[in-house]
Amino acid sequence: MRILVTYGPICLAFRGSFDFENLRNDPRGLTGSEYGFIRIAEELRDAGHEVDLCTVAAQTEWNGMRVLREPDGHYDVAVSINEPDTLRGVDANVRVCCFWLNSFSFCRAGFEDNVDLFCSPSQPHLEQILTNQEWRKVEVTGQYPDGRCLYEPDPSKWMVIPLGCDPERYPDIPKIHGRVIYASSPDRGLHWLMQEWPAIKRAVPRAHLKIFYRLEPWLRQFDSVPYHPPIERLRARALYIEEALRRMSGPEWGIEVVGSVSRKRIEREMAEAEVLAYPCDPVSWSEGFSCTILEACAARACPVITDCDALGEVYAGVPMTSQGNISDWRELVILALIESRPRDEWNRKARVFAERHTWKATTQKLLAPIEQLKGNHDQETKAQATTETILKGDDNDDSKNGQQVYCQEQGW
């Protein structure tokens, strides 16, 4: 099949453009959506399809795929990552949107009319889409603070397709004893880790923490923002994190704020870490899957998490506490650092889970409904063409012959 995969301007707001020749070494790293876009395209190509990438990039070709600013001609299938509006006007038999975000506020009214199939990363995420009215506000602007309209999802156009990882990129190498990492958005639980770190450090003196992600830009964004009730809980978390890091800045605390790193480096850091400490507790429903946790499963960096949002259902086999139960979460982190037997067993189960959730498996699951929709489209096109031939009636003998053949095929 000829397939277009799009990555649009909303998702590119941070990066601006791709440099495909430097993807794994770019110090800004790759977001989960960016990596998903790249890996799904690669797996579609590896499955034998002709793939065009539609995004902003320095290159016009990459790894056997054309890189375009605009679609080029007719496609059997068009796949958008997160932005259904990028499918408007695309000439494709089947149009699919892999929607991994938590709001349609950036979409334009009528976006759903350009999509044949939506894919959600988990059942809890899909339930939010179907039931959470806040998520379904469309085209939210100053003029329309509650949205220009409310999206009414058609459940028959939605299905769950989990996200993926690349376990082969995480060989079973020796761990650095006591290494703990935090590698997700700081607003989703870093304040709890800072609160519990003194106790963790007392219980495990060799423990040392590396904090990844764009922490400093996140902290600084509140400096120039005036009081605004919807963000004050986030501001409080930012102030707490900043003060905690100031107080624990000495070498005796073993904390290193690393910030954003390349994809290549974060894979190495995951492989070396003993524990991914993620007391997930966002101020609103946010975690529909979490590629960070899946990567930790693949890397055997024992993830210690909460059952927040979709995590309790997606990662039922990893060490977990209920959301907000931070004292029990802390004890699980300490146990994972001290006792190798439970940690090894948790890592074994996590690795098995990761090996079932590869990007290849994700793409295969995506292709199954696509092929069915394409088959339906091809049948409808054939039936329409045959009907048009019949309706020409007695225009010529060829049409009569066509009608006779069609009737014979139908058993008339």
Protein backbone atom coordinates (compact mmCIF):
# COMPACT_ATOMS: atom_id res chain seq x y z
CA MET A 1 0.00 0.00 0.00
CA ARG A 2 0.99 3.60 -0.48
CA ILE A 3 0.85 5.20 2.97
CA LEU A 4 1.23 8.77 4.21
CA VAL A 5 2.24 9.36 7.85
CA THR A 6 1.80 12.94 9.10
CA TYR A 7 3.24 14.81 12.09
CA GLY A 8 1.75 18.25 12.26
CA PRO A 9 2.44 21.77 13.57
CA ILE A 10 0.85 21.36 17.02
CA CYS A 11 3.12 18.45 17.92
CA LEU A 12 6.08 20.24 16.32
CA ALA A 13 5.62 23.35 18.48
CA PHE A 14 8.57 22.41 20.72
CA ARG A 15 10.94 20.97 18.14
CA GLY A 16 10.10 23.13 15.13
CA SER A 17 11.44 20.60 12.64
CA PHE A 18 13.07 17.18 12.45
CA ASP A 19 16.68 16.48 11.60
CA PHE A 20 16.30 12.85 10.62
CA GLU A 21 20.05 12.34 10.29
CA ASN A 22 20.57 13.26 13.94
CA LEU A 23 17.50 11.79 15.62
CA ARG A 24 19.22 9.65 18.23
CA ASN A 25 21.93 12.19 19.03
CA ASP A 26 19.81 15.35 19.26
CA PRO A 27 20.39 16.65 22.82
CA ARG A 28 16.75 17.72 23.04
CA GLY A 29 15.78 14.06 22.95
CA LEU A 30 12.54 12.74 21.46
CA THR A 31 9.07 12.93 22.95
CA GLY A 32 6.90 9.83 23.05
CA SER A 33 4.78 11.15 20.19
CA GLU A 34 7.84 11.96 18.07
CA TYR A 35 9.34 8.54 18.63
CA GLY A 36 6.00 6.86 17.91
CA PHE A 37 5.71 8.76 14.63
CA ILE A 38 9.18 7.63 13.57
CA ARG A 39 8.84 4.01 14.66
CA ILE A 40 5.38 3.43 13.17
CA ALA A 41 6.61 4.84 9.85
CA GLU A 42 9.68 2.58 9.95
CA GLU A 43 7.61 -0.50 10.75
CA LEU A 44 5.15 0.28 7.94
CA ARG A 45 8.12 0.54 5.58
CA ASP A 46 9.61 -2.71 6.89
CA ALA A 47 6.25 -4.41 6.27
CA GLY A 48 6.73 -3.67 2.57
CA HIS A 49 4.64 -0.54 2.15
CA GLU A 50 5.62 2.62 0.28
CA VAL A 51 5.73 5.29 2.99
CA ASP A 52 5.83 9.08 2.71
CA LEU A 53 6.44 11.24 5.77
CA CYS A 54 4.61 14.56 5.86
CA THR A 55 6.22 16.95 8.35
CA VAL A 56 8.78 19.75 8.59
CA ALA A 57 12.35 18.46 8.28
CA ALA A 58 15.79 19.29 6.99
CA GLN A 59 15.78 16.26 4.69
CA THR A 60 13.66 15.29 1.68
CA GLU A 61 14.40 11.56 2.03
CA TRP A 62 15.21 9.35 4.99
CA ASN A 63 15.72 5.60 5.29
CA GLY A 64 13.89 4.81 2.07
CA MET A 65 10.98 7.17 2.78
CA ARG A 66 10.25 10.51 1.13
CA VAL A 67 9.95 13.48 3.50
CA LEU A 68 7.36 15.99 2.24
CA ARG A 69 5.86 19.28 3.38
CA GLU A 70 2.57 18.47 1.62
CA PRO A 71 0.92 15.19 0.53
CA ASP A 72 1.79 14.11 -2.99
CA GLY A 73 -1.03 12.55 -4.95
CA HIS A 74 -3.31 9.68 -3.99
CA TYR A 75 -2.67 7.34 -1.03
CA ASP A 76 -4.24 4.09 -0.01
CA VAL A 77 -3.92 5.13 3.63
CA ALA A 78 -3.10 8.33 5.53
CA VAL A 79 -2.12 8.12 9.20
CA SER A 80 -1.93 11.21 11.42
CA ILE A 81 -0.20 11.28 14.79
CA ASN A 82 -2.41 13.24 17.21
CA GLU A 83 -3.67 15.87 14.75
CA PRO A 84 -6.79 14.85 12.82
CA ASP A 85 -6.89 18.21 11.04
CA THR A 86 -3.77 17.25 9.07
CA LEU A 87 -5.99 14.75 7.23
CA ARG A 88 -8.23 17.49 5.79
CA GLY A 89 -8.00 17.44 2.03
CA VAL A 90 -5.70 14.41 1.91
CA ASP A 91 -6.57 12.15 -1.04
CA ALA A 92 -6.65 8.75 0.68
CA ASN A 93 -9.00 5.78 0.71
CA VAL A 94 -8.58 5.30 4.46
CA ARG A 95 -7.72 8.02 6.99
CA VAL A 96 -6.55 7.13 10.50
CA CYS A 97 -5.63 9.26 13.51
CA CYS A 98 -3.51 7.81 16.32
CA PHE A 99 -4.73 10.08 19.11
CA TRP A 100 -2.51 9.98 22.22
CA LEU A 101 -3.41 13.40 23.69
CA ASN A 102 -5.93 14.42 26.36
CA SER A 103 -7.90 17.17 24.65
CA PHE A 104 -9.47 18.15 21.33
CA SER A 105 -9.30 21.85 22.19
CA PHE A 106 -6.74 22.55 19.44
CA CYS A 107 -8.79 20.83 16.74
CA ARG A 108 -11.00 22.65 14.28
CA ALA A 109 -14.73 22.07 14.21
CA GLY A 110 -15.62 19.12 11.98
CA PHE A 111 -12.24 17.39 12.36
CA GLU A 112 -13.96 14.02 12.87
CA ASP A 113 -15.45 14.13 9.37
CA ASN A 114 -11.95 13.62 7.93
CA VAL A 115 -11.15 10.47 9.91
CA ASP A 116 -12.32 6.89 9.34
CA LEU A 117 -10.64 5.43 12.41
CA PHE A 118 -9.28 6.83 15.69
CA CYS A 119 -6.82 4.87 17.84
CA SER A 120 -6.44 5.38 21.59
CA PRO A 121 -3.46 3.96 23.55
CA SER A 122 -5.52 2.37 26.36
CA GLN A 123 -9.06 1.54 27.43
CA PRO A 124 -9.06 4.07 30.31
CA HIS A 125 -7.90 6.77 27.88
CA LEU A 126 -10.68 5.84 25.47
CA GLU A 127 -13.23 5.96 28.28
CA GLN A 128 -12.13 9.53 29.01
CA ILE A 129 -12.61 10.44 25.37
CA LEU A 130 -16.12 8.99 25.37
CA THR A 131 -17.22 10.44 28.72
CA ASN A 132 -15.09 13.47 29.72
CA GLN A 133 -16.80 16.59 28.41
CA GLU A 134 -13.77 18.78 29.19
CA TRP A 135 -11.67 16.75 26.75
CA ARG A 136 -14.29 17.07 24.02
CA LYS A 137 -14.33 20.87 23.76
CA VAL A 138 -13.30 21.80 20.22
CA GLU A 139 -11.58 24.94 18.95
CA VAL A 140 -11.08 26.58 22.35
CA THR A 141 -10.04 30.23 21.92
CA GLY A 142 -10.45 33.56 23.66
CA GLN A 143 -13.63 34.02 21.69
CA TYR A 144 -14.83 30.49 22.53
CA PRO A 145 -13.42 29.71 26.02
CA ASP A 146 -15.72 26.68 26.31
CA GLY A 147 -15.04 25.61 22.76
CA ARG A 148 -16.75 26.40 19.52
CA CYS A 149 -18.53 23.06 19.70
CA LEU A 150 -18.50 19.78 21.60
CA TYR A 151 -17.13 16.69 19.90
CA GLU A 152 -19.57 13.78 20.05
CA PRO A 153 -17.41 10.68 19.47
CA ASP A 154 -18.79 7.75 17.52
CA PRO A 155 -17.64 4.67 19.50
CA SER A 156 -17.66 2.57 16.32
CA LYS A 157 -14.84 4.74 14.92
CA TRP A 158 -12.59 4.25 17.96
CA MET A 159 -10.38 1.34 19.01
CA VAL A 160 -7.52 0.73 21.46
CA ILE A 161 -4.01 0.14 20.09
CA PRO A 162 -1.28 0.18 22.78
CA LEU A 163 1.97 2.04 22.22
CA GLY A 164 5.32 0.30 21.84
CA CYS A 165 9.01 0.13 22.66
CA ASP A 166 12.20 -1.45 21.30
CA PRO A 167 13.41 -4.03 23.86
CA GLU A 168 16.37 -4.99 21.68
CA ARG A 169 17.88 -1.59 22.39
CA TYR A 170 18.25 -2.54 26.06
CA PRO A 171 20.77 -5.36 26.49
CA ASP A 172 21.02 -6.99 29.91
CA ILE A 173 24.04 -5.02 31.11
CA PRO A 174 25.27 -4.62 34.72
CA LYS A 175 23.32 -2.06 36.71
CA ILE A 176 24.87 0.82 38.65
CA HIS A 177 23.97 -0.02 42.24
CA GLY A 178 21.71 2.54 43.82
CA ARG A 179 20.97 4.38 40.56
CA VAL A 180 17.48 5.90 40.56
CA ILE A 181 16.09 7.97 37.70
CA TYR A 182 13.11 10.25 37.17
CA ALA A 183 12.38 10.73 33.47
CA SER A 184 8.92 12.19 33.02
CA SER A 185 7.29 15.61 33.15
CA PRO A 186 8.18 17.23 36.51
CA ASP A 187 4.59 18.30 37.20
CA ARG A 188 3.43 14.68 37.41
CA GLY A 189 5.13 13.63 40.63
CA LEU A 190 8.66 14.96 41.04
CA HIS A 191 7.53 16.92 44.12
CA TRP A 192 6.67 13.62 45.85
CA LEU A 193 10.05 12.14 44.98
CA MET A 194 11.76 15.22 46.42
CA GLN A 195 9.70 14.88 49.61
CA GLU A 196 10.63 11.21 50.04
CA TRP A 197 14.25 11.37 48.92
CA PRO A 198 15.72 12.08 52.39
CA ALA A 199 14.05 8.91 53.74
CA ILE A 200 15.15 6.88 50.71
CA LYS A 201 18.70 8.17 51.09
CA ARG A 202 18.78 7.30 54.81
CA ALA A 203 17.51 3.78 54.10
CA VAL A 204 19.83 3.26 51.12
CA PRO A 205 22.95 5.44 51.59
CA ARG A 206 24.35 4.43 48.18
CA ALA A 207 21.19 5.67 46.40
CA HIS A 208 21.72 8.48 43.93
CA LEU A 209 19.17 10.18 41.73
CA LYS A 210 19.33 11.50 38.18
CA ILE A 211 16.52 13.78 37.03
CA PHE A 212 15.89 13.99 33.31
CA TYR A 213 13.38 15.98 31.22
CA ARG A 214 13.17 19.75 30.72
CA LEU A 215 13.09 20.73 34.39
CA GLU A 216 14.65 24.20 34.27
CA PRO A 217 12.42 25.58 31.47
CA TRP A 218 9.39 24.21 33.32
CA LEU A 219 10.43 25.95 36.55
CA ARG A 220 11.18 29.25 34.86
CA GLN A 221 7.87 29.48 33.00
CA PHE A 222 6.13 30.41 36.25
CA ASP A 223 8.45 33.38 36.88
CA SER A 224 6.62 35.67 34.48
CA VAL A 225 3.10 34.26 34.79
CA PRO A 226 0.79 36.25 37.11
CA TYR A 227 -1.58 34.61 39.56
CA HIS A 228 -4.03 32.41 37.68
CA PRO A 229 -6.14 29.90 39.66
CA PRO A 230 -6.02 27.02 37.14
CA ILE A 231 -2.21 26.82 37.33
CA GLU A 232 -1.58 27.57 41.00
CA ARG A 233 -1.29 23.91 42.01
CA LEU A 234 1.40 23.50 39.37
CA ARG A 235 3.16 26.65 40.56
CA ALA A 236 3.15 25.30 44.13
CA ARG A 237 4.76 22.08 42.92
CA ALA A 238 7.38 24.00 40.97
CA LEU A 239 8.27 26.15 43.99
CA TYR A 240 8.49 23.09 46.22
CA ILE A 241 10.74 21.22 43.76
CA GLU A 242 13.02 24.21 43.33
CA GLU A 243 13.39 24.74 47.08
CA ALA A 244 13.93 21.02 47.72
CA LEU A 245 16.68 20.89 45.10
CA ARG A 246 18.30 23.96 46.65
CA ARG A 247 18.30 22.38 50.10
CA MET A 248 19.58 19.05 48.79
CA SER A 249 22.19 20.47 46.43
CA GLY A 250 25.19 19.11 48.34
CA PRO A 251 27.01 15.95 47.23
CA GLU A 252 25.80 14.08 50.32
CA TRP A 253 22.28 13.97 48.81
CA GLY A 254 23.34 12.32 45.56
CA ILE A 255 20.99 14.28 43.29
CA GLU A 256 21.95 15.29 39.75
CA VAL A 257 19.64 17.40 37.59
CA VAL A 258 20.55 16.38 34.04
CA GLY A 259 17.70 17.84 31.98
CA SER A 260 16.99 16.83 28.39
CA VAL A 261 19.34 14.32 26.77
CA SER A 262 19.54 12.52 23.46
CA ARG A 263 17.56 9.39 22.72
CA LYS A 264 20.82 7.44 22.62
CA ARG A 265 21.81 8.62 26.09
CA ILE A 266 18.44 8.07 27.77
CA GLU A 267 18.50 4.49 26.52
CA ARG A 268 21.90 4.01 28.17
CA GLU A 269 20.75 5.70 31.37
CA MET A 270 17.67 3.47 31.51
CA ALA A 271 19.82 0.39 30.96
CA GLU A 272 22.15 1.37 33.83
CA ALA A 273 19.44 2.35 36.35
CA GLU A 274 18.14 0.02 39.03
CA VAL A 275 14.87 1.91 39.60
CA LEU A 276 12.60 4.29 37.73
CA ALA A 277 10.94 6.24 40.56
CA TYR A 278 7.66 7.65 39.28
CA PRO A 279 5.04 8.55 41.94
CA CYS A 280 2.65 9.68 39.24
CA ASP A 281 0.09 12.17 40.58
CA PRO A 282 -0.88 14.84 38.01
CA VAL A 283 -3.32 17.63 38.82
CA SER A 284 -5.71 16.30 36.16
CA TRP A 285 -6.14 13.09 34.17
CA SER A 286 -2.95 12.85 32.08
CA GLU A 287 -1.35 9.40 31.77
CA GLY A 288 -3.07 7.44 29.01
CA PHE A 289 -0.19 4.96 28.65
CA SER A 290 3.31 6.32 29.57
CA CYS A 291 6.09 5.35 27.19
CA THR A 292 8.56 6.21 29.96
CA ILE A 293 7.32 3.31 32.08
CA LEU A 294 7.29 0.95 29.10
CA GLU A 295 10.90 1.89 28.29
CA ALA A 296 11.84 1.16 31.92
CA CYS A 297 10.17 -2.25 31.62
CA ALA A 298 12.24 -2.97 28.52
CA ALA A 299 15.43 -1.73 30.22
CA ARG A 300 14.81 -3.68 33.45
CA ALA A 301 14.97 -0.35 35.31
CA CYS A 302 12.43 -1.54 37.86
CA PRO A 303 9.55 0.96 37.58
CA VAL A 304 7.92 1.85 40.92
CA ILE A 305 4.72 3.72 40.13
CA THR A 306 1.18 4.56 41.24
CA ASP A 307 -2.09 3.38 39.74
CA CYS A 308 -2.82 6.88 38.46
CA ASP A 309 -5.11 7.30 35.41
CA ALA A 310 -4.49 4.42 32.97
CA LEU A 311 -1.34 3.12 34.70
CA GLY A 312 -3.09 0.72 37.06
CA GLU A 313 -4.68 -1.14 34.16
CA VAL A 314 -1.81 -0.95 31.68
CA TYR A 315 1.03 -1.89 34.07
CA ALA A 316 -0.73 -4.24 36.49
CA GLY A 317 2.40 -6.42 36.90
CA VAL A 318 4.91 -3.81 38.10
CA PRO A 319 5.40 -2.59 41.71
CA MET A 320 2.64 -0.07 42.31
CA THR A 321 0.69 1.72 45.01
CA SER A 322 -2.57 3.61 44.90
CA GLN A 323 -2.33 7.21 43.74
CA GLY A 324 -1.42 9.50 46.64
CA ASN A 325 -0.22 6.65 48.90
CA ILE A 326 3.29 8.06 48.97
CA SER A 327 4.54 6.37 52.15
CA ASP A 328 3.88 2.90 50.69
CA TRP A 329 5.37 4.04 47.37
CA ARG A 330 8.55 5.13 49.18
CA GLU A 331 8.84 1.72 50.88
CA LEU A 332 8.54 -0.02 47.51
CA VAL A 333 11.39 2.12 46.14
CA ILE A 334 13.54 1.20 49.13
CA LEU A 335 12.68 -2.48 48.74
CA ALA A 336 13.56 -2.41 45.03
CA LEU A 337 16.93 -0.87 45.85
CA ILE A 338 17.82 -3.17 48.75
CA GLU A 339 16.41 -6.57 47.81
CA SER A 340 17.59 -8.05 44.51
CA ARG A 341 15.20 -11.03 44.57
CA PRO A 342 11.89 -9.10 44.32
CA ARG A 343 13.53 -6.57 41.99
CA ASP A 344 14.72 -9.31 39.64
CA GLU A 345 11.28 -10.91 39.59
CA TRP A 346 9.57 -7.59 38.90
CA ASN A 347 12.07 -6.89 36.13
CA ARG A 348 11.50 -10.32 34.61
CA LYS A 349 7.76 -9.73 34.37
CA ALA A 350 8.29 -6.19 33.12
CA ARG A 351 10.63 -7.35 30.36
CA VAL A 352 8.11 -9.98 29.22
CA PHE A 353 5.46 -7.25 29.10
CA ALA A 354 7.76 -4.99 27.06
CA GLU A 355 8.54 -7.77 24.60
CA ARG A 356 4.82 -8.09 23.92
CA HIS A 357 4.48 -4.34 23.38
CA THR A 358 6.95 -3.55 20.62
CA TRP A 359 6.48 -0.93 17.93
CA LYS A 360 6.28 -3.79 15.45
CA ALA A 361 3.34 -5.25 17.39
CA THR A 362 1.71 -1.80 17.58
CA THR A 363 2.01 -1.38 13.81
CA GLN A 364 0.65 -4.85 13.10
CA LYS A 365 -2.37 -4.09 15.28
CA LEU A 366 -2.82 -0.81 13.41
CA LEU A 367 -2.63 -2.50 10.02
CA ALA A 368 -5.39 -5.03 10.77
CA PRO A 369 -8.31 -2.54 10.86
CA ILE A 370 -6.68 -0.47 8.11
CA GLU A 371 -6.66 -3.46 5.76
CA GLN A 372 -10.28 -4.20 6.64
CA LEU A 373 -11.33 -0.60 5.97
CA LYS A 374 -9.36 -0.58 2.73
CA GLY A 375 -11.02 -3.84 1.67
CA ASN A 376 -14.44 -2.35 2.39
CA HIS A 377 -13.51 0.74 0.38
CA ASP A 378 -12.28 -1.35 -2.56
CA GLN A 379 -15.51 -3.37 -2.57
CA GLU A 380 -17.63 -0.22 -2.49
CA THR A 381 -15.60 1.29 -5.31
CA LYS A 382 -15.99 -1.86 -7.41
CA ALA A 383 -19.73 -2.03 -6.72
CA GLN A 384 -20.15 1.64 -7.59
CA ALA A 385 -18.25 1.22 -10.84
CA THR A 386 -20.35 -1.82 -11.78
CA THR A 387 -23.57 0.02 -10.94
CA GLU A 388 -22.54 2.95 -13.12
CA THR A 389 -21.88 0.53 -15.98
CA ILE A 390 -25.32 -1.03 -15.55
CA LEU A 391 -27.03 2.36 -15.41
CA LYS A 392 -25.62 3.18 -18.83
CA GLY A 393 -28.05 0.55 -19.98
CA ASP A 394 -28.29 0.16 -23.73
CA ASP A 395 -25.61 2.69 -24.64
CA ASN A 396 -23.56 -0.05 -26.27
CA ASP A 397 -23.21 -3.79 -26.44
CA ASP A 398 -20.24 -3.71 -24.07
CA SER A 399 -22.42 -2.34 -21.29
CA LYS A 400 -24.96 -5.11 -21.90
CA ASN A 401 -22.20 -7.67 -21.68
CA GLY A 402 -21.01 -6.02 -18.46
CA GLN A 403 -24.50 -6.21 -17.06
CA GLN A 404 -24.81 -9.88 -17.96
CA VAL A 405 -21.47 -10.68 -16.33
CA TYR A 406 -22.43 -8.77 -13.17
CA CYS A 407 -25.79 -10.55 -12.95
CA GLN A 408 -24.09 -13.92 -13.36
CA GLU A 409 -21.61 -13.04 -10.60
CA GLN A 410 -24.50 -12.18 -8.29
CA GLY A 411 -26.36 -15.37 -9.16
CA TRP A 412 -29.30 -13.52 -10.73
